[in-house]
Amino acid sequence: MIYVLAALLPPLGLLFNGQPFSAILNVVVIVFCVIFGWIFPVLFLVPSAHAVIAVYMKREDRRHREVVDAIREHGPPPNYPR
């Protein structure tokens, strides 16, 4: 659901995902893309793409952190190559 929100309302999706600085940057990108998007229409997709990629990277970072914490707490899995 956060991906749909990030695609349709990029700054709001980033704020709900806990990325306020990315949301501010996204507003700046939206202003830039509205100004120059009439000349290059593909620029209208840039803010949504930025938000979706930022949400994906944040979620992957959280997943990675959970795995690292689990390995630190419980040790590596059995038959783990060393």
N, C-alpha and C. Protein backbone atom coordinates (compact mmCIF):
# COMPACT_ATOMS: atom_id res chain seq x y z
N MET A 1 0.82 -1.19 0.00
CA MET A 1 0.00 0.00 0.00
C MET A 1 0.87 1.26 0.00
N ILE A 2 2.01 1.20 0.67
CA ILE A 2 2.88 2.36 0.71
C ILE A 2 3.44 2.67 -0.68
N TYR A 3 3.59 1.64 -1.52
CA TYR A 3 4.08 1.87 -2.87
C TYR A 3 3.05 2.62 -3.71
N VAL A 4 1.78 2.30 -3.54
CA VAL A 4 0.73 3.01 -4.27
C VAL A 4 0.69 4.47 -3.84
N LEU A 5 0.79 4.70 -2.54
CA LEU A 5 0.81 6.06 -2.03
C LEU A 5 2.04 6.81 -2.52
N ALA A 6 3.17 6.14 -2.55
CA ALA A 6 4.40 6.78 -3.03
C ALA A 6 4.32 7.10 -4.52
N ALA A 7 3.61 6.28 -5.28
CA ALA A 7 3.49 6.54 -6.72
C ALA A 7 2.50 7.66 -7.01
N LEU A 8 1.41 7.74 -6.24
CA LEU A 8 0.37 8.72 -6.52
C LEU A 8 0.59 10.06 -5.81
N LEU A 9 1.04 10.02 -4.57
CA LEU A 9 1.33 11.22 -3.78
C LEU A 9 2.73 11.07 -3.17
N PRO A 10 3.76 11.28 -3.97
CA PRO A 10 5.13 10.97 -3.53
C PRO A 10 5.57 11.56 -2.19
N PRO A 11 5.38 12.86 -1.93
CA PRO A 11 5.87 13.38 -0.64
C PRO A 11 5.14 12.77 0.56
N LEU A 12 3.85 12.54 0.39
CA LEU A 12 3.08 11.95 1.48
C LEU A 12 3.51 10.50 1.74
N GLY A 13 3.76 9.76 0.67
CA GLY A 13 4.25 8.39 0.81
C GLY A 13 5.59 8.34 1.52
N LEU A 14 6.46 9.27 1.20
CA LEU A 14 7.76 9.31 1.86
C LEU A 14 7.64 9.71 3.33
N LEU A 15 6.74 10.63 3.63
CA LEU A 15 6.53 11.01 5.03
C LEU A 15 5.99 9.85 5.85
N PHE A 16 5.03 9.12 5.31
CA PHE A 16 4.47 7.97 6.02
C PHE A 16 5.50 6.85 6.18
N ASN A 17 6.49 6.83 5.31
CA ASN A 17 7.53 5.81 5.40
C ASN A 17 8.66 6.24 6.34
N GLY A 18 8.57 7.45 6.90
CA GLY A 18 9.58 7.91 7.85
C GLY A 18 10.80 8.54 7.20
N GLN A 19 10.61 9.20 6.07
CA GLN A 19 11.71 9.83 5.36
C GLN A 19 11.39 11.31 5.09
N PRO A 20 11.46 12.15 6.12
CA PRO A 20 11.06 13.56 5.91
C PRO A 20 12.00 14.34 4.99
N PHE A 21 13.29 14.06 5.02
CA PHE A 21 14.22 14.79 4.15
C PHE A 21 14.02 14.41 2.70
N SER A 22 13.73 13.14 2.44
CA SER A 22 13.43 12.72 1.07
C SER A 22 12.13 13.34 0.59
N ALA A 23 11.18 13.52 1.50
CA ALA A 23 9.92 14.15 1.13
C ALA A 23 10.14 15.60 0.72
N ILE A 24 11.00 16.31 1.46
CA ILE A 24 11.31 17.70 1.12
C ILE A 24 12.03 17.76 -0.23
N LEU A 25 12.98 16.87 -0.43
CA LEU A 25 13.68 16.81 -1.71
C LEU A 25 12.69 16.50 -2.83
N ASN A 26 11.73 15.63 -2.57
CA ASN A 26 10.75 15.27 -3.57
C ASN A 26 9.87 16.46 -3.94
N VAL A 27 9.53 17.30 -2.98
CA VAL A 27 8.75 18.51 -3.29
C VAL A 27 9.56 19.43 -4.21
N VAL A 28 10.85 19.55 -3.94
CA VAL A 28 11.71 20.37 -4.81
C VAL A 28 11.75 19.76 -6.21
N VAL A 29 11.85 18.45 -6.30
CA VAL A 29 11.87 17.78 -7.60
C VAL A 29 10.53 17.97 -8.31
N ILE A 30 9.43 17.93 -7.57
CA ILE A 30 8.11 18.15 -8.18
C ILE A 30 8.03 19.55 -8.79
N VAL A 31 8.50 20.55 -8.06
CA VAL A 31 8.47 21.93 -8.58
C VAL A 31 9.30 22.02 -9.86
N PHE A 32 10.48 21.45 -9.84
CA PHE A 32 11.34 21.45 -11.02
C PHE A 32 10.66 20.74 -12.19
N CYS A 33 10.05 19.60 -11.92
CA CYS A 33 9.43 18.81 -12.98
C CYS A 33 8.16 19.46 -13.51
N VAL A 34 7.44 20.19 -12.69
CA VAL A 34 6.26 20.91 -13.18
C VAL A 34 6.69 22.04 -14.12
N ILE A 35 7.78 22.70 -13.78
CA ILE A 35 8.26 23.79 -14.63
C ILE A 35 8.76 23.27 -15.97
N PHE A 36 9.61 22.24 -15.95
CA PHE A 36 10.22 21.75 -17.18
C PHE A 36 9.49 20.54 -17.79
N GLY A 37 8.49 20.03 -17.11
CA GLY A 37 7.76 18.87 -17.62
C GLY A 37 6.92 19.16 -18.85
N TRP A 38 6.58 20.41 -19.05
CA TRP A 38 5.79 20.75 -20.24
C TRP A 38 6.65 20.66 -21.49
N ILE A 39 7.96 20.80 -21.35
CA ILE A 39 8.87 20.66 -22.48
C ILE A 39 9.26 19.20 -22.66
N PHE A 40 9.58 18.53 -21.54
CA PHE A 40 9.96 17.11 -21.55
C PHE A 40 8.96 16.35 -20.68
N PRO A 41 7.87 15.83 -21.23
CA PRO A 41 6.80 15.21 -20.43
C PRO A 41 7.24 14.03 -19.58
N VAL A 42 8.33 13.39 -19.93
CA VAL A 42 8.79 12.25 -19.14
C VAL A 42 9.20 12.69 -17.73
N LEU A 43 9.50 13.95 -17.55
CA LEU A 43 9.89 14.46 -16.23
C LEU A 43 8.77 14.36 -15.21
N PHE A 44 7.51 14.25 -15.66
CA PHE A 44 6.41 14.11 -14.72
C PHE A 44 6.49 12.79 -13.94
N LEU A 45 7.22 11.81 -14.45
CA LEU A 45 7.36 10.52 -13.78
C LEU A 45 8.48 10.49 -12.75
N VAL A 46 9.37 11.45 -12.79
CA VAL A 46 10.55 11.45 -11.93
C VAL A 46 10.21 11.49 -10.43
N PRO A 47 9.31 12.36 -9.96
CA PRO A 47 9.03 12.38 -8.52
C PRO A 47 8.45 11.05 -8.01
N SER A 48 7.57 10.44 -8.79
CA SER A 48 7.00 9.16 -8.38
C SER A 48 8.07 8.06 -8.36
N ALA A 49 8.92 8.07 -9.38
CA ALA A 49 10.00 7.07 -9.41
C ALA A 49 10.94 7.26 -8.23
N HIS A 50 11.27 8.50 -7.91
CA HIS A 50 12.14 8.77 -6.76
C HIS A 50 11.51 8.24 -5.48
N ALA A 51 10.22 8.48 -5.29
CA ALA A 51 9.55 8.04 -4.07
C ALA A 51 9.49 6.53 -3.97
N VAL A 52 9.15 5.85 -5.06
CA VAL A 52 9.05 4.39 -5.03
C VAL A 52 10.43 3.78 -4.77
N ILE A 53 11.46 4.29 -5.39
CA ILE A 53 12.81 3.76 -5.17
C ILE A 53 13.27 4.03 -3.74
N ALA A 54 12.97 5.20 -3.20
CA ALA A 54 13.36 5.52 -1.82
C ALA A 54 12.64 4.62 -0.82
N VAL A 55 11.36 4.36 -1.05
CA VAL A 55 10.60 3.46 -0.16
C VAL A 55 11.18 2.06 -0.23
N TYR A 56 11.49 1.59 -1.44
CA TYR A 56 12.06 0.25 -1.61
C TYR A 56 13.41 0.14 -0.88
N MET A 57 14.27 1.14 -1.04
CA MET A 57 15.58 1.08 -0.41
C MET A 57 15.46 1.12 1.11
N LYS A 58 14.54 1.90 1.65
CA LYS A 58 14.35 1.97 3.10
C LYS A 58 13.87 0.62 3.64
N ARG A 59 12.95 -0.01 2.91
CA ARG A 59 12.45 -1.31 3.35
C ARG A 59 13.54 -2.38 3.28
N GLU A 60 14.35 -2.35 2.24
CA GLU A 60 15.46 -3.30 2.14
C GLU A 60 16.46 -3.08 3.26
N ASP A 61 16.70 -1.84 3.61
CA ASP A 61 17.61 -1.53 4.72
C ASP A 61 17.06 -2.10 6.04
N ARG A 62 15.76 -1.93 6.26
CA ARG A 62 15.14 -2.48 7.47
C ARG A 62 15.26 -4.01 7.50
N ARG A 63 15.00 -4.65 6.34
CA ARG A 63 15.09 -6.11 6.27
C ARG A 63 16.51 -6.58 6.56
N HIS A 64 17.48 -5.90 5.97
CA HIS A 64 18.88 -6.25 6.19
C HIS A 64 19.25 -6.10 7.66
N ARG A 65 18.80 -5.01 8.27
CA ARG A 65 19.10 -4.77 9.69
C ARG A 65 18.49 -5.88 10.56
N GLU A 66 17.28 -6.34 10.22
CA GLU A 66 16.65 -7.42 10.99
C GLU A 66 17.45 -8.71 10.88
N VAL A 67 17.94 -9.01 9.70
CA VAL A 67 18.73 -10.23 9.51
C VAL A 67 20.04 -10.15 10.28
N VAL A 68 20.70 -9.01 10.21
CA VAL A 68 21.97 -8.84 10.92
C VAL A 68 21.75 -8.94 12.43
N ASP A 69 20.68 -8.33 12.93
CA ASP A 69 20.38 -8.43 14.36
C ASP A 69 20.08 -9.85 14.78
N ALA A 70 19.37 -10.60 13.93
CA ALA A 70 19.06 -11.99 14.25
C ALA A 70 20.33 -12.84 14.27
N ILE A 71 21.25 -12.60 13.35
CA ILE A 71 22.50 -13.35 13.33
C ILE A 71 23.34 -13.00 14.55
N ARG A 72 23.35 -11.74 14.94
CA ARG A 72 24.11 -11.35 16.14
C ARG A 72 23.52 -11.99 17.39
N GLU A 73 22.20 -12.08 17.45
CA GLU A 73 21.54 -12.61 18.64
C GLU A 73 21.62 -14.13 18.72
N HIS A 74 21.39 -14.80 17.60
CA HIS A 74 21.29 -16.26 17.63
C HIS A 74 22.47 -16.97 16.98
N GLY A 75 23.37 -16.25 16.37
CA GLY A 75 24.50 -16.86 15.71
C GLY A 75 24.15 -17.22 14.27
N PRO A 76 25.16 -17.60 13.49
CA PRO A 76 24.89 -17.93 12.09
C PRO A 76 24.09 -19.23 11.98
N PRO A 77 23.42 -19.42 10.86
CA PRO A 77 22.65 -20.66 10.68
C PRO A 77 23.57 -21.87 10.61
N PRO A 78 23.01 -23.07 10.88
CA PRO A 78 23.85 -24.28 10.80
C PRO A 78 24.40 -24.48 9.39
N ASN A 79 25.58 -25.05 9.29
CA ASN A 79 26.28 -25.31 8.03
C ASN A 79 26.59 -24.02 7.27
N TYR A 80 26.74 -22.93 7.98
CA TYR A 80 27.08 -21.65 7.36
C TYR A 80 28.57 -21.68 7.03
N PRO A 81 28.93 -21.39 5.75
CA PRO A 81 30.35 -21.42 5.38
C PRO A 81 31.13 -20.30 6.08
N ARG A 82 32.26 -20.65 6.61
CA ARG A 82 33.07 -19.66 7.32
C ARG A 82 34.36 -19.43 6.62
